[in-house]
Amino acid sequence: MEGWFVSGRIVDALLALVLLEAILFYRAGRGRALLPNLAAGACLLLALRAALTGAPPGWLGLWLAFAGVAHGLDVAGRWRAGRA
């Protein structure tokens, strides 16, 4: 089990679940509204993968920045829709 964490495979499995969730929401007609939220979560998972696998710090920062942008888009969309 430790190998799953060291190699980042655990994150790959979680990303597959996020992709499955995106597909299910898209088929239910809610995918567009949830895309920024799912993108933010996926970027945070990729930042975790970078940290677990010992990637250069720049990759970690890049994924965290992408997560922040996606989160900002999610909040802006909710604000415009009156759901914030």
PDB file of N, CA and C in Angstrom:
ATOM      1  N   MET A   1       0.828  -1.198   0.000  1.00  0.00           N
ATOM      2  CA  MET A   1       0.000   0.000   0.000  1.00  0.00           C
ATOM      3  C   MET A   1       0.867   1.255   0.000  1.00  0.00           C
ATOM      4  N   GLU A   2       2.001   1.198   0.671  1.00  0.00           N
ATOM      5  CA  GLU A   2       2.891   2.357   0.725  1.00  0.00           C
ATOM      6  C   GLU A   2       3.370   2.751  -0.670  1.00  0.00           C
ATOM      7  N   GLY A   3       3.551   1.753  -1.535  1.00  0.00           N
ATOM      8  CA  GLY A   3       3.984   2.013  -2.903  1.00  0.00           C
ATOM      9  C   GLY A   3       2.990   2.865  -3.674  1.00  0.00           C
ATOM     10  N   TRP A   4       1.711   2.722  -3.357  1.00  0.00           N
ATOM     11  CA  TRP A   4       0.680   3.522  -4.026  1.00  0.00           C
ATOM     12  C   TRP A   4       0.865   5.007  -3.730  1.00  0.00           C
ATOM     13  N   PHE A   5       1.303   5.318  -2.519  1.00  0.00           N
ATOM     14  CA  PHE A   5       1.502   6.712  -2.140  1.00  0.00           C
ATOM     15  C   PHE A   5       2.806   7.256  -2.696  1.00  0.00           C
ATOM     16  N   VAL A   6       3.874   6.484  -2.578  1.00  0.00           N
ATOM     17  CA  VAL A   6       5.190   6.933  -3.034  1.00  0.00           C
ATOM     18  C   VAL A   6       5.201   7.157  -4.542  1.00  0.00           C
ATOM     19  N   SER A   7       4.531   6.289  -5.276  1.00  0.00           N
ATOM     20  CA  SER A   7       4.521   6.397  -6.737  1.00  0.00           C
ATOM     21  C   SER A   7       3.465   7.373  -7.247  1.00  0.00           C
ATOM     22  N   GLY A   8       2.548   7.775  -6.394  1.00  0.00           N
ATOM     23  CA  GLY A   8       1.477   8.664  -6.817  1.00  0.00           C
ATOM     24  C   GLY A   8       0.291   7.944  -7.432  1.00  0.00           C
ATOM     25  N   ARG A   9       0.316   6.609  -7.434  1.00  0.00           N
ATOM     26  CA  ARG A   9      -0.794   5.849  -8.028  1.00  0.00           C
ATOM     27  C   ARG A   9      -2.115   6.093  -7.319  1.00  0.00           C
ATOM     28  N   ILE A  10      -2.055   6.369  -6.034  1.00  0.00           N
ATOM     29  CA  ILE A  10      -3.285   6.639  -5.289  1.00  0.00           C
ATOM     30  C   ILE A  10      -3.993   7.870  -5.863  1.00  0.00           C
ATOM     31  N   VAL A  11      -3.196   8.864  -6.247  1.00  0.00           N
ATOM     32  CA  VAL A  11      -3.752  10.076  -6.830  1.00  0.00           C
ATOM     33  C   VAL A  11      -4.320   9.774  -8.215  1.00  0.00           C
ATOM     34  N   ASP A  12      -3.638   8.922  -8.960  1.00  0.00           N
ATOM     35  CA  ASP A  12      -4.152   8.527 -10.281  1.00  0.00           C
ATOM     36  C   ASP A  12      -5.524   7.869 -10.148  1.00  0.00           C
ATOM     37  N   ALA A  13      -5.682   7.031  -9.138  1.00  0.00           N
ATOM     38  CA  ALA A  13      -6.969   6.378  -8.904  1.00  0.00           C
ATOM     39  C   ALA A  13      -8.038   7.405  -8.540  1.00  0.00           C
ATOM     40  N   LEU A  14      -7.678   8.373  -7.718  1.00  0.00           N
ATOM     41  CA  LEU A  14      -8.631   9.418  -7.338  1.00  0.00           C
ATOM     42  C   LEU A  14      -8.994  10.301  -8.540  1.00  0.00           C
ATOM     43  N   LEU A  15      -8.022  10.578  -9.395  1.00  0.00           N
ATOM     44  CA  LEU A  15      -8.301  11.354 -10.601  1.00  0.00           C
ATOM     45  C   LEU A  15      -9.257  10.602 -11.526  1.00  0.00           C
ATOM     46  N   ALA A  16      -9.118   9.287 -11.576  1.00  0.00           N
ATOM     47  CA  ALA A  16     -10.048   8.483 -12.382  1.00  0.00           C
ATOM     48  C   ALA A  16     -11.460   8.608 -11.822  1.00  0.00           C
ATOM     49  N   LEU A  17     -11.594   8.646 -10.508  1.00  0.00           N
ATOM     50  CA  LEU A  17     -12.915   8.830  -9.898  1.00  0.00           C
ATOM     51  C   LEU A  17     -13.489  10.212 -10.193  1.00  0.00           C
ATOM     52  N   VAL A  18     -12.631  11.227 -10.195  1.00  0.00           N
ATOM     53  CA  VAL A  18     -13.087  12.578 -10.529  1.00  0.00           C
ATOM     54  C   VAL A  18     -13.561  12.620 -11.985  1.00  0.00           C
ATOM     55  N   LEU A  19     -12.832  11.947 -12.862  1.00  0.00           N
ATOM     56  CA  LEU A  19     -13.245  11.881 -14.262  1.00  0.00           C
ATOM     57  C   LEU A  19     -14.590  11.169 -14.401  1.00  0.00           C
ATOM     58  N   LEU A  20     -14.761  10.080 -13.684  1.00  0.00           N
ATOM     59  CA  LEU A  20     -16.038   9.365 -13.698  1.00  0.00           C
ATOM     60  C   LEU A  20     -17.164  10.267 -13.191  1.00  0.00           C
ATOM     61  N   GLU A  21     -16.893  10.997 -12.134  1.00  0.00           N
ATOM     62  CA  GLU A  21     -17.877  11.933 -11.586  1.00  0.00           C
ATOM     63  C   GLU A  21     -18.246  12.993 -12.629  1.00  0.00           C
ATOM     64  N   ALA A  22     -17.253  13.517 -13.339  1.00  0.00           N
ATOM     65  CA  ALA A  22     -17.508  14.522 -14.367  1.00  0.00           C
ATOM     66  C   ALA A  22     -18.386  13.953 -15.474  1.00  0.00           C
ATOM     67  N   ILE A  23     -18.115  12.734 -15.881  1.00  0.00           N
ATOM     68  CA  ILE A  23     -18.910  12.095 -16.930  1.00  0.00           C
ATOM     69  C   ILE A  23     -20.351  11.904 -16.463  1.00  0.00           C
ATOM     70  N   LEU A  24     -20.519  11.434 -15.227  1.00  0.00           N
ATOM     71  CA  LEU A  24     -21.870  11.221 -14.701  1.00  0.00           C
ATOM     72  C   LEU A  24     -22.646  12.527 -14.584  1.00  0.00           C
ATOM     73  N   PHE A  25     -21.996  13.580 -14.104  1.00  0.00           N
ATOM     74  CA  PHE A  25     -22.664  14.869 -14.000  1.00  0.00           C
ATOM     75  C   PHE A  25     -22.990  15.433 -15.378  1.00  0.00           C
ATOM     76  N   TYR A  26     -22.087  15.242 -16.337  1.00  0.00           N
ATOM     77  CA  TYR A  26     -22.329  15.731 -17.692  1.00  0.00           C
ATOM     78  C   TYR A  26     -23.551  15.038 -18.293  1.00  0.00           C
ATOM     79  N   ARG A  27     -23.637  13.735 -18.109  1.00  0.00           N
ATOM     80  CA  ARG A  27     -24.789  12.987 -18.639  1.00  0.00           C
ATOM     81  C   ARG A  27     -26.089  13.389 -17.963  1.00  0.00           C
ATOM     82  N   ALA A  28     -25.994  13.842 -16.713  1.00  0.00           N
ATOM     83  CA  ALA A  28     -27.190  14.279 -15.986  1.00  0.00           C
ATOM     84  C   ALA A  28     -27.550  15.728 -16.310  1.00  0.00           C
ATOM     85  N   GLY A  29     -26.734  16.380 -17.152  1.00  0.00           N
ATOM     86  CA  GLY A  29     -27.013  17.752 -17.539  1.00  0.00           C
ATOM     87  C   GLY A  29     -26.491  18.807 -16.595  1.00  0.00           C
ATOM     88  N   ARG A  30     -25.614  18.422 -15.670  1.00  0.00           N
ATOM     89  CA  ARG A  30     -25.079  19.379 -14.693  1.00  0.00           C
ATOM     90  C   ARG A  30     -23.580  19.571 -14.833  1.00  0.00           C
ATOM     91  N   GLY A  31     -22.976  18.986 -15.849  1.00  0.00           N
ATOM     92  CA  GLY A  31     -21.526  19.011 -15.994  1.00  0.00           C
ATOM     93  C   GLY A  31     -20.940  20.391 -16.177  1.00  0.00           C
ATOM     94  N   ARG A  32     -21.622  21.242 -16.939  1.00  0.00           N
ATOM     95  CA  ARG A  32     -21.085  22.569 -17.221  1.00  0.00           C
ATOM     96  C   ARG A  32     -20.962  23.407 -15.954  1.00  0.00           C
ATOM     97  N   ALA A  33     -21.952  23.344 -15.101  1.00  0.00           N
ATOM     98  CA  ALA A  33     -21.950  24.139 -13.878  1.00  0.00           C
ATOM     99  C   ALA A  33     -20.893  23.652 -12.889  1.00  0.00           C
ATOM    100  N   LEU A  34     -20.591  22.363 -12.923  1.00  0.00           N
ATOM    101  CA  LEU A  34     -19.652  21.799 -11.949  1.00  0.00           C
ATOM    102  C   LEU A  34     -18.222  21.698 -12.468  1.00  0.00           C
ATOM    103  N   LEU A  35     -17.997  22.016 -13.730  1.00  0.00           N
ATOM    104  CA  LEU A  35     -16.671  21.858 -14.310  1.00  0.00           C
ATOM    105  C   LEU A  35     -15.577  22.630 -13.567  1.00  0.00           C
ATOM    106  N   PRO A  36     -15.778  23.918 -13.237  1.00  0.00           N
ATOM    107  CA  PRO A  36     -14.710  24.612 -12.500  1.00  0.00           C
ATOM    108  C   PRO A  36     -14.412  23.979 -11.146  1.00  0.00           C
ATOM    109  N   ASN A  37     -15.448  23.500 -10.470  1.00  0.00           N
ATOM    110  CA  ASN A  37     -15.255  22.859  -9.167  1.00  0.00           C
ATOM    111  C   ASN A  37     -14.451  21.571  -9.312  1.00  0.00           C
ATOM    112  N   LEU A  38     -14.809  20.765 -10.297  1.00  0.00           N
ATOM    113  CA  LEU A  38     -14.087  19.520 -10.534  1.00  0.00           C
ATOM    114  C   LEU A  38     -12.657  19.791 -10.991  1.00  0.00           C
ATOM    115  N   ALA A  39     -12.474  20.840 -11.786  1.00  0.00           N
ATOM    116  CA  ALA A  39     -11.129  21.198 -12.247  1.00  0.00           C
ATOM    117  C   ALA A  39     -10.257  21.626 -11.076  1.00  0.00           C
ATOM    118  N   ALA A  40     -10.822  22.388 -10.149  1.00  0.00           N
ATOM    119  CA  ALA A  40     -10.065  22.812  -8.968  1.00  0.00           C
ATOM    120  C   ALA A  40      -9.637  21.596  -8.150  1.00  0.00           C
ATOM    121  N   GLY A  41     -10.556  20.671  -7.954  1.00  0.00           N
ATOM    122  CA  GLY A  41     -10.219  19.454  -7.205  1.00  0.00           C
ATOM    123  C   GLY A  41      -9.164  18.618  -7.905  1.00  0.00           C
ATOM    124  N   ALA A  42      -9.276  18.496  -9.221  1.00  0.00           N
ATOM    125  CA  ALA A  42      -8.292  17.725  -9.981  1.00  0.00           C
ATOM    126  C   ALA A  42      -6.909  18.379  -9.895  1.00  0.00           C
ATOM    127  N   CYS A  43      -6.867  19.703  -9.956  1.00  0.00           N
ATOM    128  CA  CYS A  43      -5.582  20.396  -9.847  1.00  0.00           C
ATOM    129  C   CYS A  43      -4.967  20.222  -8.458  1.00  0.00           C
ATOM    130  N   LEU A  44      -5.805  20.223  -7.424  1.00  0.00           N
ATOM    131  CA  LEU A  44      -5.287  19.967  -6.076  1.00  0.00           C
ATOM    132  C   LEU A  44      -4.746  18.545  -5.968  1.00  0.00           C
ATOM    133  N   LEU A  45      -5.420  17.596  -6.600  1.00  0.00           N
ATOM    134  CA  LEU A  45      -4.915  16.225  -6.607  1.00  0.00           C
ATOM    135  C   LEU A  45      -3.583  16.140  -7.349  1.00  0.00           C
ATOM    136  N   LEU A  46      -3.449  16.863  -8.442  1.00  0.00           N
ATOM    137  CA  LEU A  46      -2.181  16.856  -9.174  1.00  0.00           C
ATOM    138  C   LEU A  46      -1.068  17.523  -8.358  1.00  0.00           C
ATOM    139  N   ALA A  47      -1.410  18.536  -7.572  1.00  0.00           N
ATOM    140  CA  ALA A  47      -0.421  19.138  -6.667  1.00  0.00           C
ATOM    141  C   ALA A  47       0.009  18.122  -5.614  1.00  0.00           C
ATOM    142  N   LEU A  48      -0.943  17.368  -5.096  1.00  0.00           N
ATOM    143  CA  LEU A  48      -0.614  16.320  -4.135  1.00  0.00           C
ATOM    144  C   LEU A  48       0.297  15.276  -4.765  1.00  0.00           C
ATOM    145  N   ARG A  49      -0.002  14.900  -6.000  1.00  0.00           N
ATOM    146  CA  ARG A  49       0.827  13.912  -6.703  1.00  0.00           C
ATOM    147  C   ARG A  49       2.247  14.439  -6.879  1.00  0.00           C
ATOM    148  N   ALA A  50       2.361  15.715  -7.223  1.00  0.00           N
ATOM    149  CA  ALA A  50       3.691  16.324  -7.379  1.00  0.00           C
ATOM    150  C   ALA A  50       4.463  16.281  -6.061  1.00  0.00           C
ATOM    151  N   ALA A  51       3.769  16.557  -4.956  1.00  0.00           N
ATOM    152  CA  ALA A  51       4.431  16.537  -3.645  1.00  0.00           C
ATOM    153  C   ALA A  51       4.828  15.118  -3.244  1.00  0.00           C
ATOM    154  N   LEU A  52       3.956  14.155  -3.493  1.00  0.00           N
ATOM    155  CA  LEU A  52       4.249  12.764  -3.109  1.00  0.00           C
ATOM    156  C   LEU A  52       5.388  12.159  -3.901  1.00  0.00           C
ATOM    157  N   THR A  53       5.504  12.541  -5.161  1.00  0.00           N
ATOM    158  CA  THR A  53       6.517  11.926  -6.021  1.00  0.00           C
ATOM    159  C   THR A  53       7.827  12.698  -6.051  1.00  0.00           C
ATOM    160  N   GLY A  54       7.905  13.793  -5.311  1.00  0.00           N
ATOM    161  CA  GLY A  54       9.153  14.544  -5.251  1.00  0.00           C
ATOM    162  C   GLY A  54       9.430  15.376  -6.489  1.00  0.00           C
ATOM    163  N   ALA A  55       8.380  15.825  -7.149  1.00  0.00           N
ATOM    164  CA  ALA A  55       8.537  16.673  -8.335  1.00  0.00           C
ATOM    165  C   ALA A  55       9.149  18.010  -7.918  1.00  0.00           C
ATOM    166  N   PRO A  56       9.756  18.708  -8.863  1.00  0.00           N
ATOM    167  CA  PRO A  56      10.300  20.033  -8.532  1.00  0.00           C
ATOM    168  C   PRO A  56       9.218  20.952  -7.978  1.00  0.00           C
ATOM    169  N   PRO A  57       9.586  21.841  -7.060  1.00  0.00           N
ATOM    170  CA  PRO A  57       8.598  22.720  -6.422  1.00  0.00           C
ATOM    171  C   PRO A  57       7.779  23.549  -7.411  1.00  0.00           C
ATOM    172  N   GLY A  58       8.339  23.858  -8.558  1.00  0.00           N
ATOM    173  CA  GLY A  58       7.613  24.634  -9.555  1.00  0.00           C
ATOM    174  C   GLY A  58       6.336  23.949 -10.016  1.00  0.00           C
ATOM    175  N   TRP A  59       6.383  22.625 -10.125  1.00  0.00           N
ATOM    176  CA  TRP A  59       5.182  21.881 -10.533  1.00  0.00           C
ATOM    177  C   TRP A  59       4.092  21.975  -9.471  1.00  0.00           C
ATOM    178  N   LEU A  60       4.500  21.872  -8.230  1.00  0.00           N
ATOM    179  CA  LEU A  60       3.537  21.991  -7.134  1.00  0.00           C
ATOM    180  C   LEU A  60       2.879  23.366  -7.170  1.00  0.00           C
ATOM    181  N   GLY A  61       3.691  24.398  -7.318  1.00  0.00           N
ATOM    182  CA  GLY A  61       3.156  25.753  -7.386  1.00  0.00           C
ATOM    183  C   GLY A  61       2.254  25.972  -8.587  1.00  0.00           C
ATOM    184  N   LEU A  62       2.617  25.388  -9.715  1.00  0.00           N
ATOM    185  CA  LEU A  62       1.809  25.525 -10.928  1.00  0.00           C
ATOM    186  C   LEU A  62       0.430  24.908 -10.734  1.00  0.00           C
ATOM    187  N   TRP A  63       0.387  23.688 -10.186  1.00  0.00           N
ATOM    188  CA  TRP A  63      -0.907  23.032  -9.971  1.00  0.00           C
ATOM    189  C   TRP A  63      -1.745  23.775  -8.941  1.00  0.00           C
ATOM    190  N   LEU A  64      -1.093  24.321  -7.914  1.00  0.00           N
ATOM    191  CA  LEU A  64      -1.845  25.098  -6.923  1.00  0.00           C
ATOM    192  C   LEU A  64      -2.386  26.386  -7.539  1.00  0.00           C
ATOM    193  N   ALA A  65      -1.614  27.011  -8.428  1.00  0.00           N
ATOM    194  CA  ALA A  65      -2.090  28.220  -9.105  1.00  0.00           C
ATOM    195  C   ALA A  65      -3.289  27.900  -9.998  1.00  0.00           C
ATOM    196  N   PHE A  66      -3.202  26.800 -10.751  1.00  0.00           N
ATOM    197  CA  PHE A  66      -4.331  26.385 -11.587  1.00  0.00           C
ATOM    198  C   PHE A  66      -5.566  26.099 -10.732  1.00  0.00           C
ATOM    199  N   ALA A  67      -5.360  25.477  -9.576  1.00  0.00           N
ATOM    200  CA  ALA A  67      -6.481  25.198  -8.676  1.00  0.00           C
ATOM    201  C   ALA A  67      -7.115  26.497  -8.196  1.00  0.00           C
ATOM    202  N   GLY A  68      -6.277  27.481  -7.901  1.00  0.00           N
ATOM    203  CA  GLY A  68      -6.798  28.776  -7.460  1.00  0.00           C
ATOM    204  C   GLY A  68      -7.608  29.471  -8.544  1.00  0.00           C
ATOM    205  N   VAL A  69      -7.135  29.401  -9.776  1.00  0.00           N
ATOM    206  CA  VAL A  69      -7.870  30.003 -10.891  1.00  0.00           C
ATOM    207  C   VAL A  69      -9.215  29.294 -11.083  1.00  0.00           C
ATOM    208  N   ALA A  70      -9.190  27.962 -11.072  1.00  0.00           N
ATOM    209  CA  ALA A  70     -10.435  27.204 -11.242  1.00  0.00           C
ATOM    210  C   ALA A  70     -11.409  27.497 -10.102  1.00  0.00           C
ATOM    211  N   HIS A  71     -10.885  27.611  -8.897  1.00  0.00           N
ATOM    212  CA  HIS A  71     -11.740  27.941  -7.754  1.00  0.00           C
ATOM    213  C   HIS A  71     -12.353  29.332  -7.931  1.00  0.00           C
ATOM    214  N   GLY A  72     -11.539  30.279  -8.384  1.00  0.00           N
ATOM    215  CA  GLY A  72     -12.046  31.626  -8.630  1.00  0.00           C
ATOM    216  C   GLY A  72     -13.166  31.630  -9.666  1.00  0.00           C
ATOM    217  N   LEU A  73     -12.996  30.849 -10.732  1.00  0.00           N
ATOM    218  CA  LEU A  73     -14.040  30.740 -11.756  1.00  0.00           C
ATOM    219  C   LEU A  73     -15.314  30.121 -11.177  1.00  0.00           C
ATOM    220  N   ASP A  74     -15.137  29.133 -10.316  1.00  0.00           N
ATOM    221  CA  ASP A  74     -16.292  28.496  -9.683  1.00  0.00           C
ATOM    222  C   ASP A  74     -17.050  29.490  -8.807  1.00  0.00           C
ATOM    223  N   VAL A  75     -16.320  30.224  -7.977  1.00  0.00           N
ATOM    224  CA  VAL A  75     -16.965  31.196  -7.093  1.00  0.00           C
ATOM    225  C   VAL A  75     -17.640  32.301  -7.901  1.00  0.00           C
ATOM    226  N   ALA A  76     -16.972  32.776  -8.956  1.00  0.00           N
ATOM    227  CA  ALA A  76     -17.559  33.832  -9.798  1.00  0.00           C
ATOM    228  C   ALA A  76     -18.848  33.335 -10.450  1.00  0.00           C
ATOM    229  N   GLY A  77     -18.842  32.104 -10.930  1.00  0.00           N
ATOM    230  CA  GLY A  77     -20.050  31.559 -11.537  1.00  0.00           C
ATOM    231  C   GLY A  77     -21.187  31.413 -10.563  1.00  0.00           C
ATOM    232  N   ARG A  78     -20.866  30.998  -9.355  1.00  0.00           N
ATOM    233  CA  ARG A  78     -21.903  30.875  -8.325  1.00  0.00           C
ATOM    234  C   ARG A  78     -22.424  32.247  -7.913  1.00  0.00           C
ATOM    235  N   TRP A  79     -21.516  33.212  -7.862  1.00  0.00           N
ATOM    236  CA  TRP A  79     -21.907  34.567  -7.466  1.00  0.00           C
ATOM    237  C   TRP A  79     -22.881  35.136  -8.485  1.00  0.00           C
ATOM    238  N   ARG A  80     -22.549  34.975  -9.779  1.00  0.00           N
ATOM    239  CA  ARG A  80     -23.430  35.478 -10.839  1.00  0.00           C
ATOM    240  C   ARG A  80     -24.778  34.782 -10.826  1.00  0.00           C
ATOM    241  N   ALA A  81     -24.780  33.504 -10.479  1.00  0.00           N
ATOM    242  CA  ALA A  81     -26.035  32.750 -10.464  1.00  0.00           C
ATOM    243  C   ALA A  81     -26.819  32.963  -9.164  1.00  0.00           C
ATOM    244  N   GLY A  82     -26.227  33.688  -8.213  1.00  0.00           N
ATOM    245  CA  GLY A  82     -26.910  33.956  -6.959  1.00  0.00           C
ATOM    246  C   GLY A  82     -26.880  32.807  -5.981  1.00  0.00           C
ATOM    247  N   ARG A  83     -25.887  31.904  -6.140  1.00  0.00           N
ATOM    248  CA  ARG A  83     -25.812  30.717  -5.272  1.00  0.00           C
ATOM    249  C   ARG A  83     -24.637  30.768  -4.332  1.00  0.00           C
ATOM    250  N   ALA A  84     -23.923  31.888  -4.249  1.00  0.00           N
ATOM    251  CA  ALA A  84     -22.712  31.946  -3.428  1.00  0.00           C
ATOM    252  C   ALA A  84     -23.036  32.034  -1.963  1.00  0.00           C
TER     253      ALA A  84
END
